[in-house]
PDB file of N, CA and C in Angstrom:
ATOM      1  N   MET A   1       0.995  -1.392   0.026  1.00  0.00           N
ATOM      2  CA  MET A   1       0.017  -0.185   0.033  1.00  0.00           C
ATOM      3  C   MET A   1       0.813   0.982   0.052  1.00  0.00           C
ATOM      4  N   GLU A   2       1.926   1.155   0.419  1.00  0.00           N
ATOM      5  CA  GLU A   2       2.927   2.410   0.328  1.00  0.00           C
ATOM      6  C   GLU A   2       3.622   2.840  -0.692  1.00  0.00           C
ATOM      7  N   GLU A   3       3.507   1.818  -1.644  1.00  0.00           N
ATOM      8  CA  GLU A   3       3.923   1.971  -3.060  1.00  0.00           C
ATOM      9  C   GLU A   3       2.889   2.714  -3.807  1.00  0.00           C
ATOM     10  N   ASN A   4       1.537   2.349  -3.408  1.00  0.00           N
ATOM     11  CA  ASN A   4       0.282   3.324  -4.119  1.00  0.00           C
ATOM     12  C   ASN A   4       0.439   4.749  -3.450  1.00  0.00           C
ATOM     13  N   ALA A   5       0.600   4.521  -2.293  1.00  0.00           N
ATOM     14  CA  ALA A   5       0.860   6.282  -1.735  1.00  0.00           C
ATOM     15  C   ALA A   5       1.614   6.951  -2.244  1.00  0.00           C
ATOM     16  N   MET A   6       2.749   6.329  -2.727  1.00  0.00           N
ATOM     17  CA  MET A   6       3.787   7.197  -3.468  1.00  0.00           C
ATOM     18  C   MET A   6       3.358   7.358  -4.652  1.00  0.00           C
ATOM     19  N   PHE A   7       2.606   6.529  -5.462  1.00  0.00           N
ATOM     20  CA  PHE A   7       2.299   6.815  -6.999  1.00  0.00           C
ATOM     21  C   PHE A   7       1.174   7.864  -6.932  1.00  0.00           C
ATOM     22  N   LYS A   8       0.228   7.674  -5.928  1.00  0.00           N
ATOM     23  CA  LYS A   8      -0.668   8.817  -6.204  1.00  0.00           C
ATOM     24  C   LYS A   8      -0.387  10.213  -5.631  1.00  0.00           C
ATOM     25  N   ASP A   9       0.532  10.206  -4.651  1.00  0.00           N
ATOM     26  CA  ASP A   9       1.537  11.615  -4.590  1.00  0.00           C
ATOM     27  C   ASP A   9       2.209  12.173  -5.430  1.00  0.00           C
ATOM     28  N   ASN A  10       2.772  11.109  -6.364  1.00  0.00           N
ATOM     29  CA  ASN A  10       3.584  11.551  -7.401  1.00  0.00           C
ATOM     30  C   ASN A  10       2.618  12.190  -8.637  1.00  0.00           C
ATOM     31  N   LEU A  11       1.675  11.189  -8.739  1.00  0.00           N
ATOM     32  CA  LEU A  11       0.703  11.811  -9.900  1.00  0.00           C
ATOM     33  C   LEU A  11      -0.049  13.143  -9.474  1.00  0.00           C
ATOM     34  N   ILE A  12      -0.499  13.425  -8.322  1.00  0.00           N
ATOM     35  CA  ILE A  12      -1.028  14.730  -7.829  1.00  0.00           C
ATOM     36  C   ILE A  12       0.090  15.719  -8.474  1.00  0.00           C
ATOM     37  N   ALA A  13       1.207  15.645  -7.787  1.00  0.00           N
ATOM     38  CA  ALA A  13       2.136  16.494  -8.125  1.00  0.00           C
ATOM     39  C   ALA A  13       2.573  16.622  -9.446  1.00  0.00           C
ATOM     40  N   LEU A  14       2.709  15.580 -10.284  1.00  0.00           N
ATOM     41  CA  LEU A  14       2.767  15.849 -11.782  1.00  0.00           C
ATOM     42  C   LEU A  14       1.736  16.672 -12.535  1.00  0.00           C
ATOM     43  N   ARG A  15       0.238  16.269 -12.148  1.00  0.00           N
ATOM     44  CA  ARG A  15      -0.710  16.654 -12.548  1.00  0.00           C
ATOM     45  C   ARG A  15      -0.839  18.270 -12.791  1.00  0.00           C
ATOM     46  N   LYS A  16      -0.442  18.544 -10.993  1.00  0.00           N
ATOM     47  CA  LYS A  16      -0.432  20.083 -10.919  1.00  0.00           C
ATOM     48  C   LYS A  16       0.730  21.115 -11.513  1.00  0.00           C
ATOM     49  N   ARG A  17       1.860  20.226 -11.634  1.00  0.00           N
ATOM     50  CA  ARG A  17       3.014  21.045 -12.383  1.00  0.00           C
ATOM     51  C   ARG A  17       2.785  20.980 -13.596  1.00  0.00           C
ATOM     52  N   ALA A  18       1.768  20.313 -14.350  1.00  0.00           N
ATOM     53  CA  ALA A  18       1.502  20.671 -15.862  1.00  0.00           C
ATOM     54  C   ALA A  18       0.265  21.242 -15.850  1.00  0.00           C
ATOM     55  N   GLY A  19      -0.395  22.025 -14.719  1.00  0.00           N
ATOM     56  CA  GLY A  19      -1.613  22.796 -14.795  1.00  0.00           C
ATOM     57  C   GLY A  19      -2.677  22.253 -15.166  1.00  0.00           C
ATOM     58  N   LEU A  20      -2.820  20.936 -14.741  1.00  0.00           N
ATOM     59  CA  LEU A  20      -4.076  20.443 -15.413  1.00  0.00           C
ATOM     60  C   LEU A  20      -5.015  20.199 -14.165  1.00  0.00           C
ATOM     61  N   SER A  21      -6.410  19.888 -14.365  1.00  0.00           N
ATOM     62  CA  SER A  21      -7.235  19.522 -13.271  1.00  0.00           C
ATOM     63  C   SER A  21      -7.322  17.913 -13.508  1.00  0.00           C
ATOM     64  N   GLN A  22      -7.892  17.194 -12.626  1.00  0.00           N
ATOM     65  CA  GLN A  22      -8.331  15.759 -12.796  1.00  0.00           C
ATOM     66  C   GLN A  22      -9.149  15.787 -13.895  1.00  0.00           C
ATOM     67  N   GLU A  23     -10.038  16.315 -14.171  1.00  0.00           N
ATOM     68  CA  GLU A  23     -10.853  16.173 -15.573  1.00  0.00           C
ATOM     69  C   GLU A  23      -9.997  16.495 -16.751  1.00  0.00           C
ATOM     70  N   GLN A  24      -9.248  17.816 -16.680  1.00  0.00           N
ATOM     71  CA  GLN A  24      -8.381  17.562 -18.156  1.00  0.00           C
ATOM     72  C   GLN A  24      -7.371  16.634 -18.396  1.00  0.00           C
ATOM     73  N   LEU A  25      -6.619  16.145 -17.257  1.00  0.00           N
ATOM     74  CA  LEU A  25      -5.907  14.940 -17.527  1.00  0.00           C
ATOM     75  C   LEU A  25      -6.748  13.649 -17.928  1.00  0.00           C
ATOM     76  N   ALA A  26      -7.754  13.399 -17.277  1.00  0.00           N
ATOM     77  CA  ALA A  26      -8.568  12.351 -17.801  1.00  0.00           C
ATOM     78  C   ALA A  26      -9.071  12.222 -19.106  1.00  0.00           C
ATOM     79  N   ASN A  27      -9.470  13.306 -19.441  1.00  0.00           N
ATOM     80  CA  ASN A  27     -10.144  13.654 -20.928  1.00  0.00           C
ATOM     81  C   ASN A  27      -8.932  13.451 -21.900  1.00  0.00           C
ATOM     82  N   THR A  28      -7.557  14.267 -21.555  1.00  0.00           N
ATOM     83  CA  THR A  28      -6.584  13.993 -22.456  1.00  0.00           C
ATOM     84  C   THR A  28      -6.278  12.444 -22.863  1.00  0.00           C
ATOM     85  N   LEU A  29      -6.339  11.930 -21.550  1.00  0.00           N
ATOM     86  CA  LEU A  29      -5.805  10.410 -21.922  1.00  0.00           C
ATOM     87  C   LEU A  29      -6.837   9.431 -21.860  1.00  0.00           C
ATOM     88  N   GLY A  30      -8.052  10.150 -21.861  1.00  0.00           N
ATOM     89  CA  GLY A  30      -9.177   9.323 -22.275  1.00  0.00           C
ATOM     90  C   GLY A  30      -9.753   8.128 -21.046  1.00  0.00           C
ATOM     91  N   ILE A  31      -9.547   8.513 -19.835  1.00  0.00           N
ATOM     92  CA  ILE A  31      -9.774   7.430 -18.775  1.00  0.00           C
ATOM     93  C   ILE A  31     -10.851   8.121 -18.094  1.00  0.00           C
ATOM     94  N   CYS A  32     -11.781   8.684 -18.276  1.00  0.00           N
ATOM     95  CA  CYS A  32     -12.915   9.103 -17.566  1.00  0.00           C
ATOM     96  C   CYS A  32     -12.348   9.321 -16.222  1.00  0.00           C
ATOM     97  N   LYS A  33     -13.084   8.878 -15.152  1.00  0.00           N
ATOM     98  CA  LYS A  33     -12.934   8.817 -13.708  1.00  0.00           C
ATOM     99  C   LYS A  33     -11.842   8.148 -12.885  1.00  0.00           C
ATOM    100  N   SER A  34     -11.057   7.721 -14.001  1.00  0.00           N
ATOM    101  CA  SER A  34      -9.612   6.725 -13.085  1.00  0.00           C
ATOM    102  C   SER A  34      -8.633   7.835 -12.531  1.00  0.00           C
ATOM    103  N   VAL A  35      -8.305   9.062 -12.966  1.00  0.00           N
ATOM    104  CA  VAL A  35      -7.677   9.807 -12.486  1.00  0.00           C
ATOM    105  C   VAL A  35      -7.980  10.115 -11.220  1.00  0.00           C
ATOM    106  N   SER A  36      -8.855  10.283 -10.765  1.00  0.00           N
ATOM    107  CA  SER A  36      -9.531  10.708  -9.358  1.00  0.00           C
ATOM    108  C   SER A  36      -9.255   9.371  -8.398  1.00  0.00           C
ATOM    109  N   LYS A  37      -9.469   8.180  -9.084  1.00  0.00           N
ATOM    110  CA  LYS A  37      -9.669   6.896  -8.363  1.00  0.00           C
ATOM    111  C   LYS A  37      -7.977   6.727  -7.811  1.00  0.00           C
ATOM    112  N   TYR A  38      -7.181   7.091  -8.827  1.00  0.00           N
ATOM    113  CA  TYR A  38      -5.795   7.124  -8.752  1.00  0.00           C
ATOM    114  C   TYR A  38      -5.067   7.867  -7.632  1.00  0.00           C
ATOM    115  N   GLU A  39      -5.666   9.113  -7.554  1.00  0.00           N
ATOM    116  CA  GLU A  39      -5.252  10.001  -6.669  1.00  0.00           C
ATOM    117  C   GLU A  39      -5.776  10.020  -5.422  1.00  0.00           C
ATOM    118  N   LEU A  40      -6.889   9.291  -5.295  1.00  0.00           N
ATOM    119  CA  LEU A  40      -7.316   8.829  -3.839  1.00  0.00           C
ATOM    120  C   LEU A  40      -6.930   7.536  -3.403  1.00  0.00           C
ATOM    121  N   GLY A  41      -6.132   6.611  -4.328  1.00  0.00           N
ATOM    122  CA  GLY A  41      -5.489   5.341  -3.888  1.00  0.00           C
ATOM    123  C   GLY A  41      -6.671   4.170  -4.025  1.00  0.00           C
ATOM    124  N   THR A  42      -7.701   4.622  -4.270  1.00  0.00           N
ATOM    125  CA  THR A  42      -8.914   3.687  -4.514  1.00  0.00           C
ATOM    126  C   THR A  42      -8.644   2.752  -5.672  1.00  0.00           C
ATOM    127  N   ALA A  43      -7.888   2.830  -6.419  1.00  0.00           N
ATOM    128  CA  ALA A  43      -7.574   2.188  -7.880  1.00  0.00           C
ATOM    129  C   ALA A  43      -5.985   2.483  -8.209  1.00  0.00           C
ATOM    130  N   ALA A  44      -5.515   1.354  -8.874  1.00  0.00           N
ATOM    131  CA  ALA A  44      -4.217   1.581  -9.478  1.00  0.00           C
ATOM    132  C   ALA A  44      -4.289   1.091 -11.064  1.00  0.00           C
ATOM    133  N   PRO A  45      -3.552   1.976 -11.645  1.00  0.00           N
ATOM    134  CA  PRO A  45      -3.261   1.599 -13.193  1.00  0.00           C
ATOM    135  C   PRO A  45      -2.520   0.759 -13.512  1.00  0.00           C
ATOM    136  N   ASP A  46      -2.987  -0.084 -14.671  1.00  0.00           N
ATOM    137  CA  ASP A  46      -2.561  -1.311 -15.051  1.00  0.00           C
ATOM    138  C   ASP A  46      -1.246  -0.898 -16.004  1.00  0.00           C
ATOM    139  N   LEU A  47      -0.422  -1.805 -16.427  1.00  0.00           N
ATOM    140  CA  LEU A  47       1.066  -1.623 -16.929  1.00  0.00           C
ATOM    141  C   LEU A  47       0.881  -0.850 -18.117  1.00  0.00           C
ATOM    142  N   ALA A  48      -0.092  -0.937 -18.837  1.00  0.00           N
ATOM    143  CA  ALA A  48      -0.040  -0.118 -19.901  1.00  0.00           C
ATOM    144  C   ALA A  48      -0.571   1.283 -19.642  1.00  0.00           C
ATOM    145  N   ARG A  49      -1.405   1.720 -18.844  1.00  0.00           N
ATOM    146  CA  ARG A  49      -1.712   2.824 -18.643  1.00  0.00           C
ATOM    147  C   ARG A  49      -0.638   3.598 -17.676  1.00  0.00           C
ATOM    148  N   LEU A  50       0.353   2.826 -16.938  1.00  0.00           N
ATOM    149  CA  LEU A  50       1.757   3.229 -16.423  1.00  0.00           C
ATOM    150  C   LEU A  50       2.449   3.885 -17.338  1.00  0.00           C
ATOM    151  N   ALA A  51       2.346   3.270 -18.364  1.00  0.00           N
ATOM    152  CA  ALA A  51       3.397   3.608 -19.747  1.00  0.00           C
ATOM    153  C   ALA A  51       2.917   4.746 -20.346  1.00  0.00           C
ATOM    154  N   GLU A  52       1.517   4.892 -20.348  1.00  0.00           N
ATOM    155  CA  GLU A  52       0.932   6.157 -20.995  1.00  0.00           C
ATOM    156  C   GLU A  52       1.103   7.545 -19.954  1.00  0.00           C
ATOM    157  N   LEU A  53       1.102   7.306 -18.503  1.00  0.00           N
ATOM    158  CA  LEU A  53       1.067   8.213 -17.818  1.00  0.00           C
ATOM    159  C   LEU A  53       2.752   8.645 -17.662  1.00  0.00           C
ATOM    160  N   LYS A  54       3.667   7.535 -17.777  1.00  0.00           N
ATOM    161  CA  LYS A  54       4.996   7.924 -17.914  1.00  0.00           C
ATOM    162  C   LYS A  54       5.140   8.879 -19.367  1.00  0.00           C
ATOM    163  N   ASP A  55       4.756   8.353 -20.113  1.00  0.00           N
ATOM    164  CA  ASP A  55       5.076   9.080 -21.500  1.00  0.00           C
ATOM    165  C   ASP A  55       4.410  10.551 -21.582  1.00  0.00           C
ATOM    166  N   PHE A  56       3.408  10.624 -20.939  1.00  0.00           N
ATOM    167  CA  PHE A  56       2.502  11.687 -21.052  1.00  0.00           C
ATOM    168  C   PHE A  56       3.340  12.811 -20.148  1.00  0.00           C
ATOM    169  N   PHE A  57       3.849  12.564 -18.741  1.00  0.00           N
ATOM    170  CA  PHE A  57       4.586  13.439 -17.982  1.00  0.00           C
ATOM    171  C   PHE A  57       6.200  13.423 -18.324  1.00  0.00           C
ATOM    172  N   HIS A  58       6.302  12.758 -19.349  1.00  0.00           N
ATOM    173  CA  HIS A  58       7.972  12.493 -19.677  1.00  0.00           C
ATOM    174  C   HIS A  58       8.853  12.606 -18.359  1.00  0.00           C
ATOM    175  N   VAL A  59       8.345  11.507 -17.780  1.00  0.00           N
ATOM    176  CA  VAL A  59       9.045  10.799 -16.400  1.00  0.00           C
ATOM    177  C   VAL A  59       9.499   9.326 -16.711  1.00  0.00           C
ATOM    178  N   THR A  60      10.295   9.032 -15.861  1.00  0.00           N
ATOM    179  CA  THR A  60      10.853   7.291 -15.725  1.00  0.00           C
ATOM    180  C   THR A  60       9.693   6.846 -14.830  1.00  0.00           C
ATOM    181  N   TYR A  61       9.671   5.379 -14.940  1.00  0.00           N
ATOM    182  CA  TYR A  61       8.599   4.744 -14.083  1.00  0.00           C
ATOM    183  C   TYR A  61       9.224   4.958 -12.644  1.00  0.00           C
ATOM    184  N   ASP A  62      10.417   5.075 -12.279  1.00  0.00           N
ATOM    185  CA  ASP A  62      10.979   5.271 -10.900  1.00  0.00           C
ATOM    186  C   ASP A  62      10.337   6.808 -10.223  1.00  0.00           C
ATOM    187  N   GLU A  63      10.488   7.663 -11.581  1.00  0.00           N
ATOM    188  CA  GLU A  63       9.706   9.025 -10.992  1.00  0.00           C
ATOM    189  C   GLU A  63       8.377   8.891 -10.760  1.00  0.00           C
ATOM    190  N   LEU A  64       7.595   8.109 -11.345  1.00  0.00           N
ATOM    191  CA  LEU A  64       6.109   7.902 -11.207  1.00  0.00           C
ATOM    192  C   LEU A  64       5.744   7.115  -9.921  1.00  0.00           C
ATOM    193  N   LEU A  65       6.622   6.277  -9.756  1.00  0.00           N
ATOM    194  CA  LEU A  65       6.126   4.936  -8.859  1.00  0.00           C
ATOM    195  C   LEU A  65       7.110   5.347  -7.581  1.00  0.00           C
ATOM    196  N   GLY A  66       8.433   5.881  -7.737  1.00  0.00           N
ATOM    197  CA  GLY A  66       9.128   5.780  -6.720  1.00  0.00           C
ATOM    198  C   GLY A  66       8.801   7.019  -5.447  1.00  0.00           C
ATOM    199  N   GLU A  67       9.723   7.313  -5.067  1.00  0.00           N
ATOM    200  CA  GLU A  67       9.869   8.253  -3.779  1.00  0.00           C
ATOM    201  C   GLU A  67       8.944   9.661  -3.887  1.00  0.00           C
ATOM    202  N   SER A  68       8.345  10.072  -3.362  1.00  0.00           N
ATOM    203  CA  SER A  68       7.503  10.862  -3.423  1.00  0.00           C
ATOM    204  C   SER A  68       8.270  12.261  -3.805  1.00  0.00           C
ATOM    205  N   SER A  69       8.109  12.963  -4.895  1.00  0.00           N
ATOM    206  CA  SER A  69       8.559  14.221  -5.138  1.00  0.00           C
ATOM    207  C   SER A  69       8.505  15.267  -4.267  1.00  0.00           C
ATOM    208  N   GLN A  70       7.609  15.173  -3.218  1.00  0.00           N
ATOM    209  CA  GLN A  70       7.527  15.810  -2.129  1.00  0.00           C
ATOM    210  C   GLN A  70       8.721  16.199  -1.294  1.00  0.00           C
ATOM    211  N   HIS A  71       9.422  14.872  -1.229  1.00  0.00           N
ATOM    212  CA  HIS A  71      10.852  14.724  -0.414  1.00  0.00           C
ATOM    213  C   HIS A  71      12.146  15.356  -1.217  1.00  0.00           C
ATOM    214  N   VAL A  72      11.861  15.927  -2.258  1.00  0.00           N
ATOM    215  CA  VAL A  72      12.907  16.520  -3.025  1.00  0.00           C
ATOM    216  C   VAL A  72      12.646  17.999  -2.959  1.00  0.00           C
ATOM    217  N   SER A  73      14.062  18.412  -2.513  1.00  0.00           N
ATOM    218  CA  SER A  73      14.093  19.906  -2.909  1.00  0.00           C
ATOM    219  C   SER A  73      13.870  20.419  -3.998  1.00  0.00           C
ATOM    220  N   LYS A  74      13.117  21.323  -4.118  1.00  0.00           N
ATOM    221  CA  LYS A  74      12.673  22.114  -5.310  1.00  0.00           C
ATOM    222  C   LYS A  74      13.533  23.302  -5.705  1.00  0.00           C
ATOM    223  N   SER A  75      14.576  23.902  -4.901  1.00  0.00           N
ATOM    224  CA  SER A  75      15.376  24.901  -4.939  1.00  0.00           C
ATOM    225  C   SER A  75      16.388  24.515  -5.533  1.00  0.00           C
ATOM    226  N   THR A  76      17.139  25.291  -5.936  1.00  0.00           N
ATOM    227  CA  THR A  76      18.639  25.253  -6.837  1.00  0.00           C
ATOM    228  C   THR A  76      20.001  25.669  -5.592  1.00  0.00           C
ATOM    229  N   ASN A  77      20.419  24.671  -5.359  1.00  0.00           N
ATOM    230  CA  ASN A  77      21.407  24.714  -4.071  1.00  0.00           C
ATOM    231  C   ASN A  77      23.018  24.722  -4.522  1.00  0.00           C
ATOM    232  N   ILE A  78      23.661  25.787  -4.294  1.00  0.00           N
ATOM    233  CA  ILE A  78      25.019  25.923  -4.670  1.00  0.00           C
ATOM    234  C   ILE A  78      26.304  25.559  -3.226  1.00  0.00           C
ATOM    235  N   THR A  79      26.837  24.706  -3.320  1.00  0.00           N
ATOM    236  CA  THR A  79      27.782  24.171  -2.267  1.00  0.00           C
ATOM    237  C   THR A  79      29.024  23.838  -2.843  1.00  0.00           C
ATOM    238  N   ASN A  80      30.077  24.363  -2.339  1.00  0.00           N
ATOM    239  CA  ASN A  80      31.537  24.253  -2.659  1.00  0.00           C
ATOM    240  C   ASN A  80      31.632  23.716  -4.062  1.00  0.00           C
ATOM    241  N   GLY A  81      31.121  24.517  -4.926  1.00  0.00           N
ATOM    242  CA  GLY A  81      31.604  24.527  -6.318  1.00  0.00           C
ATOM    243  C   GLY A  81      30.458  23.599  -7.088  1.00  0.00           C
ATOM    244  N   LEU A  82      29.593  23.029  -6.137  1.00  0.00           N
ATOM    245  CA  LEU A  82      28.584  22.147  -6.963  1.00  0.00           C
ATOM    246  C   LEU A  82      27.241  22.591  -6.826  1.00  0.00           C
ATOM    247  N   ILE A  83      26.616  22.474  -8.218  1.00  0.00           N
ATOM    248  CA  ILE A  83      25.192  23.234  -7.994  1.00  0.00           C
ATOM    249  C   ILE A  83      24.347  22.062  -8.379  1.00  0.00           C
ATOM    250  N   THR A  84      23.319  21.990  -7.563  1.00  0.00           N
ATOM    251  CA  THR A  84      21.937  20.873  -7.896  1.00  0.00           C
ATOM    252  C   THR A  84      20.707  21.671  -8.275  1.00  0.00           C
ATOM    253  N   ILE A  85      20.251  21.000  -9.471  1.00  0.00           N
ATOM    254  CA  ILE A  85      19.052  21.834 -10.315  1.00  0.00           C
ATOM    255  C   ILE A  85      18.204  20.837 -10.651  1.00  0.00           C
ATOM    256  N   GLN A  86      17.110  21.093  -9.968  1.00  0.00           N
ATOM    257  CA  GLN A  86      15.722  20.146 -10.518  1.00  0.00           C
ATOM    258  C   GLN A  86      15.112  20.783 -11.402  1.00  0.00           C
ATOM    259  N   SER A  87      14.675  20.077 -12.238  1.00  0.00           N
ATOM    260  CA  SER A  87      13.663  20.462 -13.350  1.00  0.00           C
ATOM    261  C   SER A  87      12.272  20.801 -13.094  1.00  0.00           C
ATOM    262  N   VAL A  88      11.763  21.980 -13.320  1.00  0.00           N
ATOM    263  CA  VAL A  88      10.429  22.292 -12.881  1.00  0.00           C
ATOM    264  C   VAL A  88       9.246  21.408 -13.984  1.00  0.00           C
ATOM    265  N   VAL A  89       9.969  20.810 -15.017  1.00  0.00           N
ATOM    266  CA  VAL A  89       9.185  20.153 -16.198  1.00  0.00           C
ATOM    267  C   VAL A  89       8.945  18.802 -15.874  1.00  0.00           C
ATOM    268  N   ASN A  90       9.869  18.121 -15.439  1.00  0.00           N
ATOM    269  CA  ASN A  90       9.665  16.803 -15.186  1.00  0.00           C
ATOM    270  C   ASN A  90      10.430  16.007 -13.902  1.00  0.00           C
ATOM    271  N   GLY A  91      11.096  17.025 -13.126  1.00  0.00           N
ATOM    272  CA  GLY A  91      11.414  16.868 -11.640  1.00  0.00           C
ATOM    273  C   GLY A  91      12.828  16.132 -11.773  1.00  0.00           C
ATOM    274  N   SER A  92      13.586  15.949 -12.809  1.00  0.00           N
ATOM    275  CA  SER A  92      14.752  15.312 -13.017  1.00  0.00           C
ATOM    276  C   SER A  92      16.033  16.152 -12.448  1.00  0.00           C
ATOM    277  N   ILE A  93      16.834  15.585 -11.634  1.00  0.00           N
ATOM    278  CA  ILE A  93      17.759  16.367 -10.645  1.00  0.00           C
ATOM    279  C   ILE A  93      19.148  16.201 -11.614  1.00  0.00           C
ATOM    280  N   VAL A  94      19.812  17.307 -11.703  1.00  0.00           N
ATOM    281  CA  VAL A  94      21.339  17.427 -12.166  1.00  0.00           C
ATOM    282  C   VAL A  94      22.029  18.079 -11.350  1.00  0.00           C
ATOM    283  N   GLN A  95      23.462  17.549 -11.092  1.00  0.00           N
ATOM    284  CA  GLN A  95      24.363  18.018 -10.368  1.00  0.00           C
ATOM    285  C   GLN A  95      25.677  18.501 -11.598  1.00  0.00           C
ATOM    286  N   MET A  96      26.222  19.716 -11.076  1.00  0.00           N
ATOM    287  CA  MET A  96      27.225  19.916 -12.007  1.00  0.00           C
ATOM    288  C   MET A  96      28.374  20.767 -10.964  1.00  0.00           C
ATOM    289  N   SER A  97      29.224  20.609 -11.639  1.00  0.00           N
ATOM    290  CA  SER A  97      30.739  21.023 -10.793  1.00  0.00           C
ATOM    291  C   SER A  97      31.539  21.663 -11.709  1.00  0.00           C
ATOM    292  N   GLY A  98      32.688  22.499 -11.172  1.00  0.00           N
ATOM    293  CA  GLY A  98      33.556  23.170 -12.146  1.00  0.00           C
ATOM    294  C   GLY A  98      32.906  24.141 -12.923  1.00  0.00           C
ATOM    295  N   PHE A  99      32.153  24.980 -12.157  1.00  0.00           N
ATOM    296  CA  PHE A  99      31.504  26.206 -12.843  1.00  0.00           C
ATOM    297  C   PHE A  99      31.987  27.405 -11.868  1.00  0.00           C
ATOM    298  N   LYS A 100      31.514  28.684 -12.588  1.00  0.00           N
ATOM    299  CA  LYS A 100      31.895  30.052 -11.628  1.00  0.00           C
ATOM    300  C   LYS A 100      30.733  30.899 -11.700  1.00  0.00           C
ATOM    301  N   VAL A 101      30.367  31.350 -10.525  1.00  0.00           N
ATOM    302  CA  VAL A 101      29.266  32.117 -10.538  1.00  0.00           C
ATOM    303  C   VAL A 101      29.358  33.327 -11.129  1.00  0.00           C
ATOM    304  N   ALA A 102      28.892  34.178 -12.070  1.00  0.00           N
ATOM    305  CA  ALA A 102      29.129  35.525 -12.545  1.00  0.00           C
ATOM    306  C   ALA A 102      28.050  36.166 -12.350  1.00  0.00           C
ATOM    307  N   ASN A 103      28.055  37.600 -12.314  1.00  0.00           N
ATOM    308  CA  ASN A 103      27.005  38.563 -12.515  1.00  0.00           C
ATOM    309  C   ASN A 103      26.720  38.605 -13.852  1.00  0.00           C
ATOM    310  N   THR A 104      25.185  38.200 -13.833  1.00  0.00           N
ATOM    311  CA  THR A 104      24.601  38.264 -15.070  1.00  0.00           C
ATOM    312  C   THR A 104      23.719  39.577 -15.674  1.00  0.00           C
ATOM    313  N   SER A 105      23.594  40.456 -14.587  1.00  0.00           N
ATOM    314  CA  SER A 105      22.966  41.786 -14.948  1.00  0.00           C
ATOM    315  C   SER A 105      23.399  42.276 -16.270  1.00  0.00           C
ATOM    316  N   GLY A 106      22.133  42.593 -16.924  1.00  0.00           N
ATOM    317  CA  GLY A 106      22.643  43.253 -18.165  1.00  0.00           C
ATOM    318  C   GLY A 106      22.936  42.177 -19.320  1.00  0.00           C
ATOM    319  N   PHE A 107      22.770  40.962 -18.879  1.00  0.00           N
ATOM    320  CA  PHE A 107      23.159  39.635 -20.047  1.00  0.00           C
ATOM    321  C   PHE A 107      21.983  39.792 -20.918  1.00  0.00           C
ATOM    322  N   GLY A 108      22.456  39.661 -22.246  1.00  0.00           N
ATOM    323  CA  GLY A 108      21.503  39.738 -23.450  1.00  0.00           C
ATOM    324  C   GLY A 108      20.953  41.166 -23.874  1.00  0.00           C
ATOM    325  N   HIS A 109      21.558  42.057 -23.182  1.00  0.00           N
ATOM    326  CA  HIS A 109      21.459  43.377 -23.665  1.00  0.00           C
ATOM    327  C   HIS A 109      22.539  44.235 -24.248  1.00  0.00           C
ATOM    328  N   LYS A 110      22.182  44.840 -25.533  1.00  0.00           N
ATOM    329  CA  LYS A 110      23.189  45.433 -26.131  1.00  0.00           C
ATOM    330  C   LYS A 110      23.506  46.476 -25.388  1.00  0.00           C
ATOM    331  N   LYS A 111      25.095  46.905 -25.581  1.00  0.00           N
ATOM    332  CA  LYS A 111      25.444  48.388 -24.713  1.00  0.00           C
ATOM    333  C   LYS A 111      25.372  49.418 -26.225  1.00  0.00           C
ATOM    334  N   ALA A 112      24.782  50.380 -25.674  1.00  0.00           N
ATOM    335  CA  ALA A 112      24.837  51.450 -26.641  1.00  0.00           C
ATOM    336  C   ALA A 112      26.273  51.976 -26.964  1.00  0.00           C
TER     337      ALA A 112
END
């Protein structure tokens, strides 16, 4: 049951991140009231539906079924020359090192 709790929390977060209501997502995927049942934890999708949800949100099965995205920091962290960035689109996390922080004021503006 814990796995279903993670799925329903992740589905809610992904749907909201996409700016969709339950009804909009259900209509887009052609699954009527199933989205509501998935989010309540009273029903679970079959493998074909999981694949469809994974592809729709552009996430992996781990991201869809795994640890709730609520436990992952959504902020950008810079520590000791290491930056951690989480995508607001699909929640993926990237760490980069060996960079310099620069002043970007005026970036993209032509000087007169």
